[in-house]
Amino acid sequence: MTDSGPSDPITVYWRWGCPFCLRLGTRLRLARIPFRRVDIRDPKAAAEVRAITGGDEITPTVLVNGRALVNPSIGEIRAALAG
C-alpha cells in the first residue's frame, strides 16, 4: 500500500499493526510533513528494508532524501530534511 505521491521526500516502510509505525505516521501528519507509506507485506519492500537494516524487517524504516533511518523520531526526520 502506498499513500501520497512518489515525489514525497520521505518514504516510510511500515507493517500492518505496528504501533511504532502508527505513532510515526500520526506525528508526521500533525507536523504536516508529506510522506509515502510502503507496506512491507510486499516482498520487494520487505527485501529493501532487510537490505537497509542488515537483514531485519524493522519498522518503521524511513528514507529521507535517500538517507535511511531505522525507527526514527520526528526530530531525527526533521534533521535529515534540513540537511
Protein backbone atom coordinates (compact mmCIF):
# COMPACT_ATOMS: atom_id res chain seq x y z
CA MET A 1 0.00 0.00 0.00
CA THR A 2 1.29 3.43 -0.91
CA ASP A 3 -0.09 6.79 0.22
CA SER A 4 0.75 10.22 -1.21
CA GLY A 5 2.96 10.64 -4.22
CA PRO A 6 6.31 9.27 -5.33
CA SER A 7 7.79 12.79 -5.24
CA ASP A 8 7.48 12.98 -1.44
CA PRO A 9 10.94 13.29 0.15
CA ILE A 10 10.05 10.71 2.82
CA THR A 11 9.25 7.04 2.35
CA VAL A 12 8.05 5.16 5.42
CA TYR A 13 8.29 1.38 5.26
CA TRP A 14 5.66 0.13 7.66
CA ARG A 15 3.99 -3.07 8.82
CA TRP A 16 0.28 -3.52 9.47
CA GLY A 17 -0.41 -3.29 13.22
CA CYS A 18 3.00 -1.84 14.13
CA PRO A 19 2.39 0.67 16.95
CA PHE A 20 5.65 2.50 16.19
CA CYS A 21 4.57 2.95 12.57
CA LEU A 22 1.16 4.26 13.62
CA ARG A 23 2.72 6.73 16.04
CA LEU A 24 5.24 7.99 13.48
CA GLY A 25 2.54 8.39 10.82
CA THR A 26 0.43 10.42 13.22
CA ARG A 27 3.37 12.64 14.15
CA LEU A 28 4.28 13.22 10.50
CA ARG A 29 0.68 14.16 9.66
CA LEU A 30 0.44 16.51 12.66
CA ALA A 31 3.71 18.13 11.59
CA ARG A 32 2.31 18.41 8.04
CA ILE A 33 5.31 16.56 6.64
CA PRO A 34 4.27 14.70 3.48
CA PHE A 35 5.35 11.09 3.18
CA ARG A 36 4.83 7.99 1.13
CA ARG A 37 3.91 4.83 3.02
CA VAL A 38 5.04 1.40 1.75
CA ASP A 39 3.73 -1.80 3.36
CA ILE A 40 6.44 -4.43 3.80
CA ARG A 41 3.93 -7.20 3.13
CA ASP A 42 5.08 -6.51 -0.42
CA PRO A 43 8.08 -8.87 -0.86
CA LYS A 44 10.08 -6.23 -2.76
CA ALA A 45 9.55 -3.67 0.02
CA ALA A 46 10.48 -6.25 2.67
CA ALA A 47 13.69 -7.01 0.77
CA GLU A 48 14.52 -3.29 0.61
CA VAL A 49 14.09 -2.99 4.39
CA ARG A 50 16.26 -6.05 5.01
CA ALA A 51 18.96 -4.52 2.79
CA ILE A 52 18.84 -1.26 4.75
CA THR A 53 18.82 -2.84 8.22
CA GLY A 54 21.33 -5.63 7.67
CA GLY A 55 18.80 -8.43 7.38
CA ASP A 56 15.98 -7.44 9.72
CA GLU A 57 12.47 -6.25 8.90
CA ILE A 58 12.44 -3.38 11.40
CA THR A 59 9.57 -0.96 11.05
CA PRO A 60 9.30 1.87 10.64
CA THR A 61 12.30 2.18 8.40
CA VAL A 62 12.35 5.59 6.78
CA LEU A 63 14.13 7.03 3.76
CA VAL A 64 14.58 10.80 3.91
CA ASN A 65 16.03 12.23 0.70
CA GLY A 66 17.84 8.91 0.19
CA ARG A 67 19.14 8.66 3.78
CA ALA A 68 17.99 5.59 5.76
CA LEU A 69 16.71 5.93 9.34
CA VAL A 70 15.55 2.96 11.41
CA ASN A 71 12.70 3.63 13.87
CA PRO A 72 13.46 7.37 13.88
CA SER A 73 11.94 10.11 15.99
CA ILE A 74 10.21 13.06 14.35
CA GLY A 75 13.25 15.14 15.41
CA GLU A 76 15.61 12.83 13.51
CA ILE A 77 13.41 13.12 10.43
CA ARG A 78 13.31 16.92 10.67
CA ALA A 79 17.12 16.99 11.00
CA ALA A 80 17.51 14.77 7.94
CA LEU A 81 15.14 17.01 5.97
CA ALA A 82 17.13 20.09 6.98
CA GLY A 83 20.49 18.80 5.98
